[in-house]
Protein backbone atom coordinates (compact mmCIF):
# COMPACT_ATOMS: atom_id res chain seq x y z
CA UNK A 1 0.00 0.00 0.00
CA UNK A 2 1.29 3.42 -0.99
CA UNK A 3 0.87 6.37 1.35
CA UNK A 4 0.09 9.56 -0.56
CA UNK A 5 0.95 12.82 1.21
CA UNK A 6 -0.74 15.63 -0.72
CA UNK A 7 0.30 19.29 -0.42
CA UNK A 8 -1.49 22.01 -2.38
CA UNK A 9 0.03 25.27 -3.55
CA UNK A 10 -0.17 28.87 -2.36
CA UNK A 11 -3.34 30.02 -0.58
CA UNK A 12 -4.78 26.50 -0.37
CA UNK A 13 -5.14 23.83 2.33
CA UNK A 14 -5.83 20.12 2.63
CA UNK A 15 -9.38 20.75 1.40
CA UNK A 16 -8.06 21.31 -2.14
CA UNK A 17 -7.67 17.52 -2.53
CA UNK A 18 -11.26 16.64 -1.57
CA UNK A 19 -12.12 15.31 -5.05
CA UNK A 20 -8.81 13.49 -5.56
CA UNK A 21 -8.35 11.74 -2.21
CA UNK A 22 -11.42 9.42 -2.40
CA UNK A 23 -10.21 7.81 -5.63
CA UNK A 24 -6.78 7.12 -4.17
CA UNK A 25 -8.37 5.59 -1.07
CA UNK A 26 -10.74 3.52 -3.22
CA UNK A 27 -7.67 2.02 -4.90
CA UNK A 28 -6.48 0.80 -1.49
CA UNK A 29 -3.92 3.44 -0.62
CA UNK A 30 -3.43 5.69 2.37
CA UNK A 31 -4.09 9.38 1.71
CA UNK A 32 -2.91 12.26 3.88
CA UNK A 33 -3.72 15.78 2.66
CA UNK A 34 -1.64 18.36 4.53
CA UNK A 35 -2.47 21.95 5.40
CA UNK A 36 0.72 23.97 5.74
CA UNK A 37 1.25 26.35 8.65
CA UNK A 38 -0.34 29.77 8.22
CA UNK A 39 -2.98 28.59 5.73
CA UNK A 40 -6.63 27.47 5.83
CA UNK A 41 -7.41 25.93 9.23
CA UNK A 42 -3.84 26.71 10.35
CA UNK A 43 -4.22 30.41 9.61
CA UNK A 44 -2.43 32.51 12.20
CA UNK A 45 0.39 30.00 12.78
CA UNK A 46 3.74 31.73 12.02
CA UNK A 47 5.49 30.16 9.06
CA UNK A 48 8.64 30.39 6.98
CA UNK A 49 9.66 28.02 4.22
CA UNK A 50 11.46 25.65 6.57
CA UNK A 51 8.31 25.54 8.71
CA UNK A 52 6.49 24.18 5.69
CA UNK A 53 9.22 21.60 5.06
CA UNK A 54 8.92 20.47 8.67
CA UNK A 55 5.10 20.32 8.43
CA UNK A 56 5.49 17.66 5.74
CA UNK A 57 8.27 15.72 7.45
CA UNK A 58 6.33 15.76 10.74
CA UNK A 59 3.23 14.32 9.05
CA UNK A 60 5.23 11.42 7.64
CA UNK A 61 7.04 10.72 10.91
CA UNK A 62 4.02 11.23 13.18
CA UNK A 63 2.05 8.60 11.28
CA UNK A 64 5.15 6.41 10.73
CA UNK A 65 4.41 6.27 7.01
CA UNK A 66 6.37 4.05 4.64
CA UNK A 67 6.31 3.73 0.85
CA UNK A 68 5.46 7.43 0.69
CA UNK A 69 4.57 9.33 -2.47
CA UNK A 70 4.96 13.02 -1.69
CA UNK A 71 2.85 15.24 -3.96
CA UNK A 72 3.55 18.97 -4.24
CA UNK A 73 1.44 21.36 -6.30
CA UNK A 74 2.66 24.78 -7.50
CA UNK A 75 4.52 26.62 -4.67
CA UNK A 76 4.46 23.49 -2.52
CA UNK A 77 6.87 21.71 -4.83
CA UNK A 78 9.57 23.71 -3.05
CA UNK A 79 8.95 22.40 0.50
CA UNK A 80 7.93 18.97 -0.82
CA UNK A 81 11.20 18.63 -2.74
CA UNK A 82 13.16 19.40 0.42
CA UNK A 83 11.04 17.10 2.58
CA UNK A 84 11.50 14.28 0.07
CA UNK A 85 15.22 14.02 0.75
CA UNK A 86 14.71 14.35 4.51
CA UNK A 87 12.40 11.38 4.93
CA UNK A 88 15.07 9.01 3.64
CA UNK A 89 14.04 5.46 2.80
CA UNK A 90 10.40 6.21 3.62
CA UNK A 91 10.16 7.86 0.19
CA UNK A 92 8.90 5.88 -2.80
CA UNK A 93 8.52 8.82 -5.17
CA UNK A 94 7.95 12.56 -5.28
CA UNK A 95 5.39 14.02 -7.69
CA UNK A 96 5.52 17.67 -8.71
CA UNK A 97 2.16 18.92 -10.01
CA UNK A 98 2.88 21.84 -12.37
CA UNK A 99 5.08 23.08 -9.58
CA UNK A 100 8.15 25.00 -8.68
CA UNK A 101 11.12 22.88 -7.68
CA UNK A 102 13.66 23.80 -5.01
CA UNK A 103 17.24 24.82 -5.71
CA UNK A 104 19.71 25.02 -2.87
CA UNK A 105 20.09 28.60 -1.68
CA UNK A 106 17.28 29.88 -3.91
CA UNK A 107 13.85 31.09 -2.79
CA UNK A 108 10.49 30.88 -4.53
CA UNK A 109 10.84 34.53 -5.56
CA UNK A 110 14.47 34.38 -6.62
CA UNK A 111 13.50 31.70 -9.13
CA UNK A 112 10.65 33.87 -10.46
CA UNK A 113 12.24 37.21 -11.34
CA UNK A 114 9.37 38.41 -13.55
CA UNK A 115 6.78 37.90 -10.84
CA UNK A 116 8.90 39.00 -7.92
CA UNK A 117 8.02 42.74 -7.91
CA UNK A 118 4.27 42.02 -7.94
CA UNK A 119 4.48 39.44 -5.16
CA UNK A 120 6.76 41.61 -3.02
CA UNK A 121 4.35 44.53 -3.42
CA UNK A 122 1.44 42.32 -2.33
CA UNK A 123 3.38 41.13 0.72
CA UNK A 124 4.22 44.71 1.68
CA UNK A 125 0.60 45.82 1.31
CA UNK A 126 -0.92 42.88 3.19
CA UNK A 127 1.00 42.72 6.48
CA UNK A 128 3.52 40.16 5.27
CA UNK A 129 1.13 37.96 3.27
CA UNK A 130 0.67 37.28 -0.44
CA UNK A 131 -2.96 38.13 -1.20
CA UNK A 132 -5.03 35.38 -2.87
CA UNK A 133 -5.94 35.58 -6.54
CA UNK A 134 -9.29 36.95 -7.67
CA UNK A 135 -11.80 35.04 -9.78
CA UNK A 136 -10.61 36.80 -12.93
CA UNK A 137 -7.08 35.45 -12.42
CA UNK A 138 -8.27 31.88 -12.95
CA UNK A 139 -9.47 32.41 -16.53
CA UNK A 140 -8.09 30.19 -19.26
CA UNK A 141 -7.17 27.37 -16.87
CA UNK A 142 -9.92 24.89 -17.68
CA UNK A 143 -12.00 25.81 -14.65
CA UNK A 144 -15.75 26.35 -14.57
CA UNK A 145 -17.47 29.06 -12.57
CA UNK A 146 -18.27 26.63 -9.77
CA UNK A 147 -14.66 25.50 -9.42
CA UNK A 148 -13.36 29.07 -9.49
CA UNK A 149 -15.86 30.14 -6.84
CA UNK A 150 -14.78 27.25 -4.64
CA UNK A 151 -11.09 28.10 -4.93
CA UNK A 152 -11.64 31.80 -4.26
CA UNK A 153 -13.90 31.12 -1.25
CA UNK A 154 -11.41 28.70 0.32
CA UNK A 155 -8.19 30.61 -0.31
CA UNK A 156 -6.38 32.38 2.52
CA UNK A 157 -3.44 34.82 2.41
CA UNK A 158 -0.10 33.06 2.00
CA UNK A 159 2.74 33.73 4.51
CA UNK A 160 5.29 35.91 2.74
CA UNK A 161 8.33 34.51 4.55
CA UNK A 162 7.79 31.13 2.89
CA UNK A 163 8.36 32.80 -0.47
CA UNK A 164 11.54 34.69 0.41
CA UNK A 165 13.50 32.15 2.49
CA UNK A 166 16.01 29.99 0.58
CA UNK A 167 15.66 26.27 0.05
CA UNK A 168 18.16 23.92 1.68
CA UNK A 169 19.12 20.76 -0.21
CA UNK A 170 21.80 18.33 0.89
CA UNK A 171 22.08 16.61 -2.50
CA UNK A 172 21.01 17.21 -6.09
CA UNK A 173 17.26 17.07 -6.65
CA UNK A 174 17.86 14.84 -9.66
CA UNK A 175 18.90 12.05 -7.29
CA UNK A 176 15.28 11.61 -6.19
CA UNK A 177 12.80 9.35 -8.02
CA UNK A 178 10.32 11.88 -9.39
CA UNK A 179 7.39 12.48 -11.70
CA UNK A 180 6.73 15.96 -13.07
CA UNK A 181 3.16 16.69 -14.20
CA UNK A 182 3.01 19.52 -16.75
CA UNK A 183 -0.39 21.16 -17.14
CA UNK A 184 -0.43 22.34 -20.73
CA UNK A 185 -2.87 25.24 -20.41
CA UNK A 186 -0.33 26.85 -18.09
CA UNK A 187 2.49 26.56 -20.65
CA UNK A 188 3.44 23.93 -23.18
CA UNK A 189 6.89 23.18 -21.79
CA UNK A 190 8.42 22.81 -18.33
CA UNK A 191 10.77 25.58 -17.26
CA UNK A 192 14.49 25.18 -17.91
CA UNK A 193 15.22 24.04 -14.35
CA UNK A 194 12.69 21.22 -14.65
CA UNK A 195 13.78 20.38 -18.22
CA UNK A 196 17.32 19.85 -16.94
CA UNK A 197 16.08 17.51 -14.20
CA UNK A 198 14.01 15.54 -16.69
CA UNK A 199 17.18 14.46 -18.47
CA UNK A 200 17.87 12.17 -15.50
CA UNK A 201 16.59 8.59 -15.76
CA UNK A 202 14.99 8.90 -12.31
CA UNK A 203 12.60 11.60 -13.53
CA UNK A 204 9.46 11.12 -15.63
CA UNK A 205 7.29 13.66 -17.43
CA UNK A 206 3.50 13.37 -17.65
CA UNK A 207 1.38 15.92 -19.51
CA UNK A 208 -2.19 16.85 -18.64
CA UNK A 209 -4.38 18.84 -21.01
CA UNK A 210 -5.68 21.18 -18.34
CA UNK A 211 -4.69 24.25 -16.32
CA UNK A 212 -2.60 24.92 -13.27
CA UNK A 213 -5.15 23.62 -10.74
CA UNK A 214 -5.91 20.07 -11.94
CA UNK A 215 -7.26 18.95 -8.56
CA UNK A 216 -10.23 21.18 -9.39
CA UNK A 217 -10.36 21.08 -13.21
CA UNK A 218 -9.59 17.37 -13.73
CA UNK A 219 -9.58 15.64 -10.32
CA UNK A 220 -10.36 12.16 -11.66
CA UNK A 221 -7.66 12.36 -14.31
CA UNK A 222 -5.17 13.66 -11.74
CA UNK A 223 -6.00 10.78 -9.40
CA UNK A 224 -5.26 8.32 -12.19
CA UNK A 225 -1.91 9.98 -12.90
CA UNK A 226 -1.01 9.82 -9.21
CA UNK A 227 -1.93 6.16 -9.09
CA UNK A 228 0.28 5.57 -12.12
CA UNK A 229 3.14 7.20 -10.24
CA UNK A 230 3.32 4.07 -8.09
CA UNK A 231 4.24 2.13 -11.23
CA UNK A 232 4.68 2.74 -14.98
CA UNK A 233 3.57 6.26 -15.91
CA UNK A 234 1.46 7.02 -18.95
CA UNK A 235 0.42 10.41 -20.28
CA UNK A 236 -3.04 11.62 -19.28
C-alpha atoms as a PDB file:
ATOM      1  CA  UNK A   1       0.000   0.000   0.000  1.00  0.00           C
ATOM      2  CA  UNK A   2       1.289   3.419  -0.994  1.00  0.00           C
ATOM      3  CA  UNK A   3       0.875   6.366   1.353  1.00  0.00           C
ATOM      4  CA  UNK A   4       0.087   9.562  -0.562  1.00  0.00           C
ATOM      5  CA  UNK A   5       0.954  12.823   1.205  1.00  0.00           C
ATOM      6  CA  UNK A   6      -0.742  15.634  -0.716  1.00  0.00           C
ATOM      7  CA  UNK A   7       0.302  19.288  -0.421  1.00  0.00           C
ATOM      8  CA  UNK A   8      -1.495  22.007  -2.378  1.00  0.00           C
ATOM      9  CA  UNK A   9       0.029  25.269  -3.546  1.00  0.00           C
ATOM     10  CA  UNK A  10      -0.170  28.866  -2.363  1.00  0.00           C
ATOM     11  CA  UNK A  11      -3.339  30.023  -0.576  1.00  0.00           C
ATOM     12  CA  UNK A  12      -4.782  26.500  -0.365  1.00  0.00           C
ATOM     13  CA  UNK A  13      -5.141  23.835   2.329  1.00  0.00           C
ATOM     14  CA  UNK A  14      -5.831  20.119   2.627  1.00  0.00           C
ATOM     15  CA  UNK A  15      -9.381  20.754   1.395  1.00  0.00           C
ATOM     16  CA  UNK A  16      -8.063  21.308  -2.142  1.00  0.00           C
ATOM     17  CA  UNK A  17      -7.670  17.519  -2.532  1.00  0.00           C
ATOM     18  CA  UNK A  18     -11.265  16.644  -1.574  1.00  0.00           C
ATOM     19  CA  UNK A  19     -12.116  15.313  -5.053  1.00  0.00           C
ATOM     20  CA  UNK A  20      -8.812  13.492  -5.559  1.00  0.00           C
ATOM     21  CA  UNK A  21      -8.355  11.737  -2.210  1.00  0.00           C
ATOM     22  CA  UNK A  22     -11.422   9.420  -2.401  1.00  0.00           C
ATOM     23  CA  UNK A  23     -10.210   7.806  -5.627  1.00  0.00           C
ATOM     24  CA  UNK A  24      -6.777   7.116  -4.167  1.00  0.00           C
ATOM     25  CA  UNK A  25      -8.372   5.588  -1.072  1.00  0.00           C
ATOM     26  CA  UNK A  26     -10.738   3.518  -3.215  1.00  0.00           C
ATOM     27  CA  UNK A  27      -7.671   2.016  -4.899  1.00  0.00           C
ATOM     28  CA  UNK A  28      -6.483   0.800  -1.493  1.00  0.00           C
ATOM     29  CA  UNK A  29      -3.922   3.444  -0.620  1.00  0.00           C
ATOM     30  CA  UNK A  30      -3.430   5.688   2.375  1.00  0.00           C
ATOM     31  CA  UNK A  31      -4.088   9.379   1.713  1.00  0.00           C
ATOM     32  CA  UNK A  32      -2.908  12.257   3.884  1.00  0.00           C
ATOM     33  CA  UNK A  33      -3.719  15.783   2.656  1.00  0.00           C
ATOM     34  CA  UNK A  34      -1.636  18.357   4.533  1.00  0.00           C
ATOM     35  CA  UNK A  35      -2.466  21.948   5.404  1.00  0.00           C
ATOM     36  CA  UNK A  36       0.724  23.965   5.743  1.00  0.00           C
ATOM     37  CA  UNK A  37       1.245  26.350   8.652  1.00  0.00           C
ATOM     38  CA  UNK A  38      -0.342  29.770   8.223  1.00  0.00           C
ATOM     39  CA  UNK A  39      -2.980  28.587   5.734  1.00  0.00           C
ATOM     40  CA  UNK A  40      -6.627  27.475   5.827  1.00  0.00           C
ATOM     41  CA  UNK A  41      -7.414  25.935   9.226  1.00  0.00           C
ATOM     42  CA  UNK A  42      -3.838  26.711  10.353  1.00  0.00           C
ATOM     43  CA  UNK A  43      -4.216  30.407   9.608  1.00  0.00           C
ATOM     44  CA  UNK A  44      -2.426  32.511  12.202  1.00  0.00           C
ATOM     45  CA  UNK A  45       0.391  30.002  12.776  1.00  0.00           C
ATOM     46  CA  UNK A  46       3.737  31.730  12.023  1.00  0.00           C
ATOM     47  CA  UNK A  47       5.495  30.155   9.062  1.00  0.00           C
ATOM     48  CA  UNK A  48       8.642  30.389   6.983  1.00  0.00           C
ATOM     49  CA  UNK A  49       9.662  28.019   4.221  1.00  0.00           C
ATOM     50  CA  UNK A  50      11.456  25.650   6.574  1.00  0.00           C
ATOM     51  CA  UNK A  51       8.309  25.544   8.708  1.00  0.00           C
ATOM     52  CA  UNK A  52       6.494  24.178   5.689  1.00  0.00           C
ATOM     53  CA  UNK A  53       9.217  21.601   5.062  1.00  0.00           C
ATOM     54  CA  UNK A  54       8.915  20.474   8.669  1.00  0.00           C
ATOM     55  CA  UNK A  55       5.103  20.323   8.429  1.00  0.00           C
ATOM     56  CA  UNK A  56       5.485  17.663   5.744  1.00  0.00           C
ATOM     57  CA  UNK A  57       8.266  15.724   7.454  1.00  0.00           C
ATOM     58  CA  UNK A  58       6.326  15.764  10.736  1.00  0.00           C
ATOM     59  CA  UNK A  59       3.226  14.320   9.052  1.00  0.00           C
ATOM     60  CA  UNK A  60       5.232  11.415   7.643  1.00  0.00           C
ATOM     61  CA  UNK A  61       7.036  10.719  10.909  1.00  0.00           C
ATOM     62  CA  UNK A  62       4.019  11.231  13.178  1.00  0.00           C
ATOM     63  CA  UNK A  63       2.055   8.595  11.284  1.00  0.00           C
ATOM     64  CA  UNK A  64       5.148   6.415  10.734  1.00  0.00           C
ATOM     65  CA  UNK A  65       4.411   6.275   7.014  1.00  0.00           C
ATOM     66  CA  UNK A  66       6.373   4.049   4.636  1.00  0.00           C
ATOM     67  CA  UNK A  67       6.308   3.727   0.846  1.00  0.00           C
ATOM     68  CA  UNK A  68       5.464   7.431   0.688  1.00  0.00           C
ATOM     69  CA  UNK A  69       4.574   9.326  -2.475  1.00  0.00           C
ATOM     70  CA  UNK A  70       4.965  13.021  -1.685  1.00  0.00           C
ATOM     71  CA  UNK A  71       2.854  15.239  -3.959  1.00  0.00           C
ATOM     72  CA  UNK A  72       3.548  18.966  -4.235  1.00  0.00           C
ATOM     73  CA  UNK A  73       1.443  21.358  -6.304  1.00  0.00           C
ATOM     74  CA  UNK A  74       2.662  24.781  -7.502  1.00  0.00           C
ATOM     75  CA  UNK A  75       4.520  26.620  -4.669  1.00  0.00           C
ATOM     76  CA  UNK A  76       4.465  23.485  -2.522  1.00  0.00           C
ATOM     77  CA  UNK A  77       6.871  21.714  -4.827  1.00  0.00           C
ATOM     78  CA  UNK A  78       9.574  23.714  -3.052  1.00  0.00           C
ATOM     79  CA  UNK A  79       8.948  22.403   0.496  1.00  0.00           C
ATOM     80  CA  UNK A  80       7.933  18.973  -0.818  1.00  0.00           C
ATOM     81  CA  UNK A  81      11.199  18.631  -2.741  1.00  0.00           C
ATOM     82  CA  UNK A  82      13.162  19.400   0.417  1.00  0.00           C
ATOM     83  CA  UNK A  83      11.044  17.104   2.576  1.00  0.00           C
ATOM     84  CA  UNK A  84      11.503  14.277   0.068  1.00  0.00           C
ATOM     85  CA  UNK A  85      15.215  14.021   0.750  1.00  0.00           C
ATOM     86  CA  UNK A  86      14.715  14.352   4.506  1.00  0.00           C
ATOM     87  CA  UNK A  87      12.398  11.381   4.935  1.00  0.00           C
ATOM     88  CA  UNK A  88      15.070   9.008   3.636  1.00  0.00           C
ATOM     89  CA  UNK A  89      14.037   5.459   2.798  1.00  0.00           C
ATOM     90  CA  UNK A  90      10.403   6.211   3.620  1.00  0.00           C
ATOM     91  CA  UNK A  91      10.158   7.859   0.190  1.00  0.00           C
ATOM     92  CA  UNK A  92       8.902   5.879  -2.797  1.00  0.00           C
ATOM     93  CA  UNK A  93       8.521   8.820  -5.168  1.00  0.00           C
ATOM     94  CA  UNK A  94       7.952  12.563  -5.282  1.00  0.00           C
ATOM     95  CA  UNK A  95       5.385  14.017  -7.686  1.00  0.00           C
ATOM     96  CA  UNK A  96       5.524  17.667  -8.708  1.00  0.00           C
ATOM     97  CA  UNK A  97       2.165  18.916 -10.010  1.00  0.00           C
ATOM     98  CA  UNK A  98       2.875  21.843 -12.368  1.00  0.00           C
ATOM     99  CA  UNK A  99       5.077  23.081  -9.576  1.00  0.00           C
ATOM    100  CA  UNK A 100       8.153  25.002  -8.685  1.00  0.00           C
ATOM    101  CA  UNK A 101      11.116  22.876  -7.680  1.00  0.00           C
ATOM    102  CA  UNK A 102      13.657  23.797  -5.013  1.00  0.00           C
ATOM    103  CA  UNK A 103      17.242  24.816  -5.710  1.00  0.00           C
ATOM    104  CA  UNK A 104      19.707  25.023  -2.871  1.00  0.00           C
ATOM    105  CA  UNK A 105      20.088  28.604  -1.682  1.00  0.00           C
ATOM    106  CA  UNK A 106      17.278  29.882  -3.911  1.00  0.00           C
ATOM    107  CA  UNK A 107      13.850  31.093  -2.787  1.00  0.00           C
ATOM    108  CA  UNK A 108      10.491  30.884  -4.535  1.00  0.00           C
ATOM    109  CA  UNK A 109      10.836  34.525  -5.559  1.00  0.00           C
ATOM    110  CA  UNK A 110      14.474  34.383  -6.624  1.00  0.00           C
ATOM    111  CA  UNK A 111      13.498  31.702  -9.130  1.00  0.00           C
ATOM    112  CA  UNK A 112      10.646  33.867 -10.462  1.00  0.00           C
ATOM    113  CA  UNK A 113      12.240  37.211 -11.337  1.00  0.00           C
ATOM    114  CA  UNK A 114       9.372  38.408 -13.553  1.00  0.00           C
ATOM    115  CA  UNK A 115       6.783  37.904 -10.836  1.00  0.00           C
ATOM    116  CA  UNK A 116       8.899  38.996  -7.916  1.00  0.00           C
ATOM    117  CA  UNK A 117       8.018  42.737  -7.912  1.00  0.00           C
ATOM    118  CA  UNK A 118       4.272  42.019  -7.939  1.00  0.00           C
ATOM    119  CA  UNK A 119       4.479  39.437  -5.162  1.00  0.00           C
ATOM    120  CA  UNK A 120       6.759  41.610  -3.016  1.00  0.00           C
ATOM    121  CA  UNK A 121       4.350  44.533  -3.418  1.00  0.00           C
ATOM    122  CA  UNK A 122       1.445  42.315  -2.332  1.00  0.00           C
ATOM    123  CA  UNK A 123       3.380  41.125   0.721  1.00  0.00           C
ATOM    124  CA  UNK A 124       4.217  44.715   1.680  1.00  0.00           C
ATOM    125  CA  UNK A 125       0.604  45.824   1.306  1.00  0.00           C
ATOM    126  CA  UNK A 126      -0.916  42.879   3.188  1.00  0.00           C
ATOM    127  CA  UNK A 127       0.998  42.723   6.480  1.00  0.00           C
ATOM    128  CA  UNK A 128       3.517  40.161   5.272  1.00  0.00           C
ATOM    129  CA  UNK A 129       1.133  37.962   3.269  1.00  0.00           C
ATOM    130  CA  UNK A 130       0.669  37.276  -0.441  1.00  0.00           C
ATOM    131  CA  UNK A 131      -2.962  38.127  -1.202  1.00  0.00           C
ATOM    132  CA  UNK A 132      -5.028  35.375  -2.870  1.00  0.00           C
ATOM    133  CA  UNK A 133      -5.945  35.584  -6.540  1.00  0.00           C
ATOM    134  CA  UNK A 134      -9.291  36.950  -7.668  1.00  0.00           C
ATOM    135  CA  UNK A 135     -11.804  35.040  -9.781  1.00  0.00           C
ATOM    136  CA  UNK A 136     -10.610  36.805 -12.932  1.00  0.00           C
ATOM    137  CA  UNK A 137      -7.083  35.447 -12.418  1.00  0.00           C
ATOM    138  CA  UNK A 138      -8.274  31.876 -12.949  1.00  0.00           C
ATOM    139  CA  UNK A 139      -9.474  32.414 -16.525  1.00  0.00           C
ATOM    140  CA  UNK A 140      -8.085  30.185 -19.262  1.00  0.00           C
ATOM    141  CA  UNK A 141      -7.170  27.368 -16.870  1.00  0.00           C
ATOM    142  CA  UNK A 142      -9.916  24.892 -17.683  1.00  0.00           C
ATOM    143  CA  UNK A 143     -12.003  25.814 -14.645  1.00  0.00           C
ATOM    144  CA  UNK A 144     -15.748  26.354 -14.573  1.00  0.00           C
ATOM    145  CA  UNK A 145     -17.467  29.063 -12.566  1.00  0.00           C
ATOM    146  CA  UNK A 146     -18.274  26.632  -9.766  1.00  0.00           C
ATOM    147  CA  UNK A 147     -14.665  25.500  -9.419  1.00  0.00           C
ATOM    148  CA  UNK A 148     -13.361  29.070  -9.491  1.00  0.00           C
ATOM    149  CA  UNK A 149     -15.863  30.142  -6.838  1.00  0.00           C
ATOM    150  CA  UNK A 150     -14.781  27.250  -4.636  1.00  0.00           C
ATOM    151  CA  UNK A 151     -11.090  28.100  -4.930  1.00  0.00           C
ATOM    152  CA  UNK A 152     -11.639  31.798  -4.258  1.00  0.00           C
ATOM    153  CA  UNK A 153     -13.903  31.120  -1.255  1.00  0.00           C
ATOM    154  CA  UNK A 154     -11.409  28.702   0.317  1.00  0.00           C
ATOM    155  CA  UNK A 155      -8.189  30.614  -0.308  1.00  0.00           C
ATOM    156  CA  UNK A 156      -6.378  32.383   2.525  1.00  0.00           C
ATOM    157  CA  UNK A 157      -3.436  34.824   2.406  1.00  0.00           C
ATOM    158  CA  UNK A 158      -0.098  33.056   1.998  1.00  0.00           C
ATOM    159  CA  UNK A 159       2.736  33.728   4.511  1.00  0.00           C
ATOM    160  CA  UNK A 160       5.288  35.911   2.735  1.00  0.00           C
ATOM    161  CA  UNK A 161       8.332  34.511   4.552  1.00  0.00           C
ATOM    162  CA  UNK A 162       7.793  31.125   2.893  1.00  0.00           C
ATOM    163  CA  UNK A 163       8.361  32.803  -0.469  1.00  0.00           C
ATOM    164  CA  UNK A 164      11.536  34.688   0.407  1.00  0.00           C
ATOM    165  CA  UNK A 165      13.495  32.152   2.485  1.00  0.00           C
ATOM    166  CA  UNK A 166      16.012  29.989   0.578  1.00  0.00           C
ATOM    167  CA  UNK A 167      15.661  26.270   0.050  1.00  0.00           C
ATOM    168  CA  UNK A 168      18.157  23.921   1.681  1.00  0.00           C
ATOM    169  CA  UNK A 169      19.124  20.760  -0.209  1.00  0.00           C
ATOM    170  CA  UNK A 170      21.802  18.327   0.892  1.00  0.00           C
ATOM    171  CA  UNK A 171      22.084  16.614  -2.497  1.00  0.00           C
ATOM    172  CA  UNK A 172      21.014  17.213  -6.091  1.00  0.00           C
ATOM    173  CA  UNK A 173      17.261  17.068  -6.648  1.00  0.00           C
ATOM    174  CA  UNK A 174      17.864  14.837  -9.660  1.00  0.00           C
ATOM    175  CA  UNK A 175      18.896  12.046  -7.293  1.00  0.00           C
ATOM    176  CA  UNK A 176      15.276  11.611  -6.192  1.00  0.00           C
ATOM    177  CA  UNK A 177      12.798   9.345  -8.025  1.00  0.00           C
ATOM    178  CA  UNK A 178      10.323  11.875  -9.386  1.00  0.00           C
ATOM    179  CA  UNK A 179       7.394  12.484 -11.703  1.00  0.00           C
ATOM    180  CA  UNK A 180       6.725  15.962 -13.069  1.00  0.00           C
ATOM    181  CA  UNK A 181       3.164  16.690 -14.201  1.00  0.00           C
ATOM    182  CA  UNK A 182       3.014  19.519 -16.745  1.00  0.00           C
ATOM    183  CA  UNK A 183      -0.386  21.158 -17.142  1.00  0.00           C
ATOM    184  CA  UNK A 184      -0.426  22.338 -20.726  1.00  0.00           C
ATOM    185  CA  UNK A 185      -2.871  25.241 -20.407  1.00  0.00           C
ATOM    186  CA  UNK A 186      -0.330  26.850 -18.089  1.00  0.00           C
ATOM    187  CA  UNK A 187       2.488  26.557 -20.651  1.00  0.00           C
ATOM    188  CA  UNK A 188       3.435  23.929 -23.176  1.00  0.00           C
ATOM    189  CA  UNK A 189       6.891  23.178 -21.787  1.00  0.00           C
ATOM    190  CA  UNK A 190       8.420  22.806 -18.329  1.00  0.00           C
ATOM    191  CA  UNK A 191      10.770  25.582 -17.259  1.00  0.00           C
ATOM    192  CA  UNK A 192      14.493  25.181 -17.915  1.00  0.00           C
ATOM    193  CA  UNK A 193      15.220  24.038 -14.353  1.00  0.00           C
ATOM    194  CA  UNK A 194      12.691  21.217 -14.652  1.00  0.00           C
ATOM    195  CA  UNK A 195      13.776  20.381 -18.215  1.00  0.00           C
ATOM    196  CA  UNK A 196      17.317  19.853 -16.942  1.00  0.00           C
ATOM    197  CA  UNK A 197      16.076  17.514 -14.195  1.00  0.00           C
ATOM    198  CA  UNK A 198      14.013  15.535 -16.691  1.00  0.00           C
ATOM    199  CA  UNK A 199      17.178  14.457 -18.475  1.00  0.00           C
ATOM    200  CA  UNK A 200      17.873  12.170 -15.503  1.00  0.00           C
ATOM    201  CA  UNK A 201      16.589   8.590 -15.762  1.00  0.00           C
ATOM    202  CA  UNK A 202      14.993   8.897 -12.314  1.00  0.00           C
ATOM    203  CA  UNK A 203      12.600  11.604 -13.534  1.00  0.00           C
ATOM    204  CA  UNK A 204       9.462  11.116 -15.626  1.00  0.00           C
ATOM    205  CA  UNK A 205       7.292  13.659 -17.433  1.00  0.00           C
ATOM    206  CA  UNK A 206       3.500  13.367 -17.646  1.00  0.00           C
ATOM    207  CA  UNK A 207       1.382  15.919 -19.508  1.00  0.00           C
ATOM    208  CA  UNK A 208      -2.192  16.850 -18.638  1.00  0.00           C
ATOM    209  CA  UNK A 209      -4.385  18.836 -21.013  1.00  0.00           C
ATOM    210  CA  UNK A 210      -5.680  21.184 -18.343  1.00  0.00           C
ATOM    211  CA  UNK A 211      -4.691  24.247 -16.322  1.00  0.00           C
ATOM    212  CA  UNK A 212      -2.596  24.925 -13.270  1.00  0.00           C
ATOM    213  CA  UNK A 213      -5.149  23.623 -10.737  1.00  0.00           C
ATOM    214  CA  UNK A 214      -5.905  20.065 -11.943  1.00  0.00           C
ATOM    215  CA  UNK A 215      -7.260  18.953  -8.560  1.00  0.00           C
ATOM    216  CA  UNK A 216     -10.233  21.182  -9.393  1.00  0.00           C
ATOM    217  CA  UNK A 217     -10.365  21.084 -13.205  1.00  0.00           C
ATOM    218  CA  UNK A 218      -9.593  17.370 -13.726  1.00  0.00           C
ATOM    219  CA  UNK A 219      -9.584  15.639 -10.317  1.00  0.00           C
ATOM    220  CA  UNK A 220     -10.363  12.157 -11.655  1.00  0.00           C
ATOM    221  CA  UNK A 221      -7.658  12.356 -14.308  1.00  0.00           C
ATOM    222  CA  UNK A 222      -5.170  13.660 -11.738  1.00  0.00           C
ATOM    223  CA  UNK A 223      -6.003  10.775  -9.401  1.00  0.00           C
ATOM    224  CA  UNK A 224      -5.258   8.322 -12.192  1.00  0.00           C
ATOM    225  CA  UNK A 225      -1.912   9.978 -12.904  1.00  0.00           C
ATOM    226  CA  UNK A 226      -1.006   9.819  -9.209  1.00  0.00           C
ATOM    227  CA  UNK A 227      -1.929   6.155  -9.086  1.00  0.00           C
ATOM    228  CA  UNK A 228       0.284   5.570 -12.119  1.00  0.00           C
ATOM    229  CA  UNK A 229       3.139   7.197 -10.235  1.00  0.00           C
ATOM    230  CA  UNK A 230       3.321   4.071  -8.088  1.00  0.00           C
ATOM    231  CA  UNK A 231       4.242   2.129 -11.231  1.00  0.00           C
ATOM    232  CA  UNK A 232       4.676   2.738 -14.982  1.00  0.00           C
ATOM    233  CA  UNK A 233       3.573   6.258 -15.906  1.00  0.00           C
ATOM    234  CA  UNK A 234       1.465   7.024 -18.953  1.00  0.00           C
ATOM    235  CA  UNK A 235       0.419  10.413 -20.283  1.00  0.00           C
ATOM    236  CA  UNK A 236      -3.039  11.624 -19.279  1.00  0.00           C
END
